[in-house]
Amino acid sequence: MKRAGGFLIWCLAGGLLSTDAGASEPSRRERDVETVSGPGVKVIRHFPAKTRPFGISKKLNPIWWFKNADDPLPPESYRKGSRARKFYWSLRNPFHNFTFYVIGVADRPIWRAGPFPTQTMNPHGGWNWAVSRYGCVGLPFIGYRRGRFEGYFGWRTGGNFGMKLNFAQGKRAKPRTPGA
């Protein structure tokens, strides 16, 4: 419990010290992520590759929630020759705009704090958690991986909301040794 309380105090202090007063957004030539390290916790600033000013009229339109603003048309290789390939493409990820831009903040710069803030899962297995901050709103994330189980719930590394429960993942391939 002592570690969690220390983290919350550290995040609050980092949030108060990082108020962008008069700071300009970095250009695309600058780094997308700036890292600030702390004791067992890292805080990063994530800048989206594309900033898209979606207006409130789009975000309140339930029809727009079902679309995909990032990839509206399927690539040529997707279901070649199929009459309904555009329809199937839209079914592939039906709530993309909703999870990325309505309840998500994928089009906005965010702060993210946690032990592995640039990754969805703990690379060593076990728990990973993070808190993303957009303005004064904290957006939680929690994930767990052990054996063939993987699950998460919350706002991921890019600011988009997601959830996953996978009980039977495929086994990870072992790296081949040269000459074997």
C-alpha atoms as a PDB file:
ATOM      1  CA  MET A   1       0.000   0.000   0.000  1.00  0.00           C
ATOM      2  CA  LYS A   2       2.917   2.287   0.739  1.00  0.00           C
ATOM      3  CA  ARG A   3       4.158   1.961  -2.879  1.00  0.00           C
ATOM      4  CA  ALA A   4       0.740   2.851  -4.343  1.00  0.00           C
ATOM      5  CA  GLY A   5       0.425   5.927  -2.124  1.00  0.00           C
ATOM      6  CA  GLY A   6       3.932   7.041  -3.097  1.00  0.00           C
ATOM      7  CA  PHE A   7       3.089   6.639  -6.765  1.00  0.00           C
ATOM      8  CA  LEU A   8      -0.079   8.713  -6.471  1.00  0.00           C
ATOM      9  CA  ILE A   9       1.810  11.514  -4.717  1.00  0.00           C
ATOM     10  CA  TRP A  10       4.560  11.332  -7.359  1.00  0.00           C
ATOM     11  CA  CYS A  11       1.974  11.485 -10.191  1.00  0.00           C
ATOM     12  CA  LEU A  12       0.168  14.421  -8.620  1.00  0.00           C
ATOM     13  CA  ALA A  13       3.447  16.287  -8.167  1.00  0.00           C
ATOM     14  CA  GLY A  14       4.444  15.481 -11.748  1.00  0.00           C
ATOM     15  CA  GLY A  15       1.048  16.644 -12.964  1.00  0.00           C
ATOM     16  CA  LEU A  16       1.309  19.935 -11.125  1.00  0.00           C
ATOM     17  CA  LEU A  17       4.826  20.548 -12.412  1.00  0.00           C
ATOM     18  CA  SER A  18       3.868  19.745 -15.995  1.00  0.00           C
ATOM     19  CA  THR A  19       1.284  22.395 -16.688  1.00  0.00           C
ATOM     20  CA  ASP A  20       2.376  23.493 -20.213  1.00  0.00           C
ATOM     21  CA  ALA A  21       1.930  27.179 -19.370  1.00  0.00           C
ATOM     22  CA  GLY A  22       3.110  28.952 -22.478  1.00  0.00           C
ATOM     23  CA  ALA A  23       4.683  25.795 -23.898  1.00  0.00           C
ATOM     24  CA  SER A  24       4.141  25.105 -27.557  1.00  0.00           C
ATOM     25  CA  GLU A  25       3.430  21.664 -28.971  1.00  0.00           C
ATOM     26  CA  PRO A  26       6.494  20.047 -30.552  1.00  0.00           C
ATOM     27  CA  SER A  27       6.731  19.891 -34.296  1.00  0.00           C
ATOM     28  CA  ARG A  28       6.492  16.533 -36.062  1.00  0.00           C
ATOM     29  CA  ARG A  29      10.259  16.557 -36.486  1.00  0.00           C
ATOM     30  CA  GLU A  30      10.696  16.433 -32.713  1.00  0.00           C
ATOM     31  CA  ARG A  31      10.338  13.269 -30.664  1.00  0.00           C
ATOM     32  CA  ASP A  32       6.848  11.939 -30.084  1.00  0.00           C
ATOM     33  CA  VAL A  33       7.622  10.873 -26.504  1.00  0.00           C
ATOM     34  CA  GLU A  34       9.566  12.685 -23.817  1.00  0.00           C
ATOM     35  CA  THR A  35      10.538  10.565 -20.809  1.00  0.00           C
ATOM     36  CA  VAL A  36      10.871  11.639 -17.193  1.00  0.00           C
ATOM     37  CA  SER A  37      12.031   8.909 -14.818  1.00  0.00           C
ATOM     38  CA  GLY A  38      11.090   8.358 -11.193  1.00  0.00           C
ATOM     39  CA  PRO A  39      11.586   5.642  -8.557  1.00  0.00           C
ATOM     40  CA  GLY A  40       9.998   2.562 -10.188  1.00  0.00           C
ATOM     41  CA  VAL A  41       7.581   4.655 -12.239  1.00  0.00           C
ATOM     42  CA  LYS A  42       8.078   6.449 -15.540  1.00  0.00           C
ATOM     43  CA  VAL A  43       6.095   9.406 -16.803  1.00  0.00           C
ATOM     44  CA  ILE A  44       5.951  10.053 -20.536  1.00  0.00           C
ATOM     45  CA  ARG A  45       4.330  12.655 -22.728  1.00  0.00           C
ATOM     46  CA  HIS A  46       2.708  11.133 -25.800  1.00  0.00           C
ATOM     47  CA  PHE A  47       2.114  13.295 -28.856  1.00  0.00           C
ATOM     48  CA  PRO A  48      -0.116  11.748 -31.536  1.00  0.00           C
ATOM     49  CA  ALA A  49       1.373  11.373 -35.001  1.00  0.00           C
ATOM     50  CA  LYS A  50      -1.719  13.001 -36.520  1.00  0.00           C
ATOM     51  CA  THR A  51      -3.738  15.646 -34.760  1.00  0.00           C
ATOM     52  CA  ARG A  52      -7.278  15.623 -36.054  1.00  0.00           C
ATOM     53  CA  PRO A  53      -9.688  18.286 -34.874  1.00  0.00           C
ATOM     54  CA  PHE A  54     -12.920  16.278 -34.806  1.00  0.00           C
ATOM     55  CA  GLY A  55     -15.753  18.630 -33.927  1.00  0.00           C
ATOM     56  CA  ILE A  56     -18.437  18.044 -31.345  1.00  0.00           C
ATOM     57  CA  SER A  57     -21.000  17.412 -34.096  1.00  0.00           C
ATOM     58  CA  LYS A  58     -19.055  14.324 -35.218  1.00  0.00           C
ATOM     59  CA  LYS A  59     -18.361  13.099 -31.694  1.00  0.00           C
ATOM     60  CA  LEU A  60     -22.060  13.252 -30.791  1.00  0.00           C
ATOM     61  CA  ASN A  61     -23.167  11.469 -33.992  1.00  0.00           C
ATOM     62  CA  PRO A  62     -23.714   7.728 -33.246  1.00  0.00           C
ATOM     63  CA  ILE A  63     -23.370   6.861 -36.949  1.00  0.00           C
ATOM     64  CA  TRP A  64     -19.848   8.340 -36.965  1.00  0.00           C
ATOM     65  CA  TRP A  65     -18.929   6.129 -33.981  1.00  0.00           C
ATOM     66  CA  PHE A  66     -19.216   3.035 -36.204  1.00  0.00           C
ATOM     67  CA  LYS A  67     -16.814   4.379 -38.839  1.00  0.00           C
ATOM     68  CA  ASN A  68     -13.037   4.390 -39.062  1.00  0.00           C
ATOM     69  CA  ALA A  69     -11.588   7.844 -39.677  1.00  0.00           C
ATOM     70  CA  ASP A  70      -8.016   6.511 -39.813  1.00  0.00           C
ATOM     71  CA  ASP A  71      -8.583   3.784 -42.450  1.00  0.00           C
ATOM     72  CA  PRO A  72     -11.949   4.458 -44.144  1.00  0.00           C
ATOM     73  CA  LEU A  73     -11.220   2.392 -47.286  1.00  0.00           C
ATOM     74  CA  PRO A  74      -9.819  -1.140 -47.402  1.00  0.00           C
ATOM     75  CA  PRO A  75      -6.404  -1.760 -48.950  1.00  0.00           C
ATOM     76  CA  GLU A  76      -6.290  -3.427 -52.371  1.00  0.00           C
ATOM     77  CA  SER A  77      -5.156  -6.727 -50.821  1.00  0.00           C
ATOM     78  CA  TYR A  78      -8.227  -7.009 -48.557  1.00  0.00           C
ATOM     79  CA  ARG A  79     -10.786  -9.545 -49.941  1.00  0.00           C
ATOM     80  CA  LYS A  80      -9.955  -9.027 -53.612  1.00  0.00           C
ATOM     81  CA  GLY A  81     -12.943  -9.565 -55.895  1.00  0.00           C
ATOM     82  CA  SER A  82     -15.535  -9.537 -53.106  1.00  0.00           C
ATOM     83  CA  ARG A  83     -18.622  -7.420 -53.767  1.00  0.00           C
ATOM     84  CA  ALA A  84     -19.033  -6.452 -50.128  1.00  0.00           C
ATOM     85  CA  ARG A  85     -15.380  -5.811 -49.291  1.00  0.00           C
ATOM     86  CA  LYS A  86     -16.052  -2.237 -48.081  1.00  0.00           C
ATOM     87  CA  PHE A  87     -18.890  -3.501 -45.879  1.00  0.00           C
ATOM     88  CA  TYR A  88     -16.709  -6.262 -44.400  1.00  0.00           C
ATOM     89  CA  TRP A  89     -13.932  -3.719 -43.866  1.00  0.00           C
ATOM     90  CA  SER A  90     -16.322  -1.570 -41.815  1.00  0.00           C
ATOM     91  CA  LEU A  91     -17.269  -4.616 -39.692  1.00  0.00           C
ATOM     92  CA  ARG A  92     -13.607  -5.385 -38.959  1.00  0.00           C
ATOM     93  CA  ASN A  93     -13.367  -2.693 -36.267  1.00  0.00           C
ATOM     94  CA  PRO A  94     -16.878  -1.292 -35.802  1.00  0.00           C
ATOM     95  CA  PHE A  95     -16.323   1.121 -32.911  1.00  0.00           C
ATOM     96  CA  HIS A  96     -12.962   2.549 -33.979  1.00  0.00           C
ATOM     97  CA  ASN A  97     -13.964   6.230 -33.884  1.00  0.00           C
ATOM     98  CA  PHE A  98     -15.846   5.720 -30.610  1.00  0.00           C
ATOM     99  CA  THR A  99     -12.928   4.113 -28.764  1.00  0.00           C
ATOM    100  CA  PHE A 100     -10.258   6.372 -30.280  1.00  0.00           C
ATOM    101  CA  TYR A 101     -11.928   9.799 -30.443  1.00  0.00           C
ATOM    102  CA  VAL A 102     -15.217   9.866 -28.472  1.00  0.00           C
ATOM    103  CA  ILE A 103     -14.298   8.177 -25.179  1.00  0.00           C
ATOM    104  CA  GLY A 104     -10.631   8.000 -26.129  1.00  0.00           C
ATOM    105  CA  VAL A 105      -8.118  10.827 -26.485  1.00  0.00           C
ATOM    106  CA  ALA A 106      -5.978   9.387 -29.291  1.00  0.00           C
ATOM    107  CA  ASP A 107      -6.037  12.708 -31.135  1.00  0.00           C
ATOM    108  CA  ARG A 108      -4.726  14.707 -28.165  1.00  0.00           C
ATOM    109  CA  PRO A 109      -1.383  14.939 -26.368  1.00  0.00           C
ATOM    110  CA  ILE A 110      -1.478  13.049 -23.051  1.00  0.00           C
ATOM    111  CA  TRP A 111       0.726  12.305 -20.064  1.00  0.00           C
ATOM    112  CA  ARG A 112       1.004   8.634 -19.067  1.00  0.00           C
ATOM    113  CA  ALA A 113       2.541   7.293 -15.845  1.00  0.00           C
ATOM    114  CA  GLY A 114       3.237   3.714 -14.789  1.00  0.00           C
ATOM    115  CA  PRO A 115       6.003   1.116 -14.593  1.00  0.00           C
ATOM    116  CA  PHE A 116       5.833   0.469 -18.372  1.00  0.00           C
ATOM    117  CA  PRO A 117       3.962   3.496 -19.798  1.00  0.00           C
ATOM    118  CA  THR A 118       5.001   2.918 -23.415  1.00  0.00           C
ATOM    119  CA  GLN A 119       3.746  -0.695 -23.437  1.00  0.00           C
ATOM    120  CA  THR A 120       0.346  -2.286 -23.043  1.00  0.00           C
ATOM    121  CA  MET A 121       1.645  -5.321 -21.158  1.00  0.00           C
ATOM    122  CA  ASN A 122       4.433  -5.875 -18.680  1.00  0.00           C
ATOM    123  CA  PRO A 123       7.263  -7.351 -20.802  1.00  0.00           C
ATOM    124  CA  HIS A 124       8.199  -9.676 -17.918  1.00  0.00           C
ATOM    125  CA  GLY A 125       4.652 -10.942 -17.368  1.00  0.00           C
ATOM    126  CA  GLY A 126       2.356 -10.120 -14.481  1.00  0.00           C
ATOM    127  CA  TRP A 127       0.579  -6.837 -13.826  1.00  0.00           C
ATOM    128  CA  ASN A 128       0.965  -3.560 -15.655  1.00  0.00           C
ATOM    129  CA  TRP A 129      -0.939  -0.448 -14.761  1.00  0.00           C
ATOM    130  CA  ALA A 130      -0.876   3.157 -15.849  1.00  0.00           C
ATOM    131  CA  VAL A 131      -2.750   6.404 -15.555  1.00  0.00           C
ATOM    132  CA  SER A 132      -3.121   8.648 -18.587  1.00  0.00           C
ATOM    133  CA  ARG A 133      -3.862  12.294 -17.970  1.00  0.00           C
ATOM    134  CA  TYR A 134      -5.624  14.566 -20.419  1.00  0.00           C
ATOM    135  CA  GLY A 135      -6.253  17.974 -18.896  1.00  0.00           C
ATOM    136  CA  CYS A 136      -7.464  17.298 -15.370  1.00  0.00           C
ATOM    137  CA  VAL A 137      -8.985  13.886 -16.185  1.00  0.00           C
ATOM    138  CA  GLY A 138      -7.186  10.702 -15.147  1.00  0.00           C
ATOM    139  CA  LEU A 139      -7.778   7.697 -17.404  1.00  0.00           C
ATOM    140  CA  PRO A 140      -6.832   4.357 -15.779  1.00  0.00           C
ATOM    141  CA  PHE A 141      -5.368   1.230 -17.378  1.00  0.00           C
ATOM    142  CA  ILE A 142      -4.726  -2.194 -15.910  1.00  0.00           C
ATOM    143  CA  GLY A 143      -3.358  -5.261 -17.684  1.00  0.00           C
ATOM    144  CA  TYR A 144      -2.208  -8.744 -16.738  1.00  0.00           C
ATOM    145  CA  ARG A 145      -0.323 -11.458 -18.619  1.00  0.00           C
ATOM    146  CA  ARG A 146       0.605 -14.885 -17.316  1.00  0.00           C
ATOM    147  CA  GLY A 147       1.179 -18.015 -19.327  1.00  0.00           C
ATOM    148  CA  ARG A 148      -1.372 -18.107 -22.131  1.00  0.00           C
ATOM    149  CA  PHE A 149      -3.749 -15.603 -20.464  1.00  0.00           C
ATOM    150  CA  GLU A 150      -3.718 -11.931 -21.394  1.00  0.00           C
ATOM    151  CA  GLY A 151      -6.233  -9.280 -20.440  1.00  0.00           C
ATOM    152  CA  TYR A 152      -6.497  -5.542 -20.084  1.00  0.00           C
ATOM    153  CA  PHE A 153      -9.037  -2.790 -19.521  1.00  0.00           C
ATOM    154  CA  GLY A 154      -8.662   0.955 -19.863  1.00  0.00           C
ATOM    155  CA  TRP A 155      -6.971   3.644 -21.920  1.00  0.00           C
ATOM    156  CA  ARG A 156      -3.985   2.236 -23.787  1.00  0.00           C
ATOM    157  CA  THR A 157      -0.640   3.798 -24.680  1.00  0.00           C
ATOM    158  CA  GLY A 158      -1.976   6.034 -27.466  1.00  0.00           C
ATOM    159  CA  GLY A 159      -5.005   7.300 -25.530  1.00  0.00           C
ATOM    160  CA  ASN A 160      -7.567   4.960 -27.092  1.00  0.00           C
ATOM    161  CA  PHE A 161      -9.882   2.881 -24.897  1.00  0.00           C
ATOM    162  CA  GLY A 162      -9.770  -0.888 -25.144  1.00  0.00           C
ATOM    163  CA  MET A 163     -10.450  -4.127 -23.349  1.00  0.00           C
ATOM    164  CA  LYS A 164      -9.328  -7.677 -23.973  1.00  0.00           C
ATOM    165  CA  LEU A 165      -9.694 -11.105 -22.367  1.00  0.00           C
ATOM    166  CA  ASN A 166      -7.746 -13.854 -24.096  1.00  0.00           C
ATOM    167  CA  PHE A 167      -7.546 -17.200 -22.280  1.00  0.00           C
ATOM    168  CA  ALA A 168      -5.857 -19.321 -24.955  1.00  0.00           C
ATOM    169  CA  GLN A 169      -3.213 -17.327 -26.748  1.00  0.00           C
ATOM    170  CA  GLY A 170      -0.901 -19.164 -29.070  1.00  0.00           C
ATOM    171  CA  LYS A 171       2.449 -20.124 -27.643  1.00  0.00           C
ATOM    172  CA  ARG A 172       5.193 -17.642 -28.354  1.00  0.00           C
ATOM    173  CA  ALA A 173       7.795 -18.976 -30.756  1.00  0.00           C
ATOM    174  CA  LYS A 174      11.240 -19.495 -29.311  1.00  0.00           C
ATOM    175  CA  PRO A 175      13.996 -17.719 -31.195  1.00  0.00           C
ATOM    176  CA  ARG A 176      15.981 -20.006 -33.458  1.00  0.00           C
ATOM    177  CA  THR A 177      19.637 -20.443 -32.769  1.00  0.00           C
ATOM    178  CA  PRO A 178      21.986 -20.103 -35.740  1.00  0.00           C
ATOM    179  CA  GLY A 179      23.041 -23.439 -37.205  1.00  0.00           C
ATOM    180  CA  ALA A 180      20.201 -25.418 -35.585  1.00  0.00           C
END
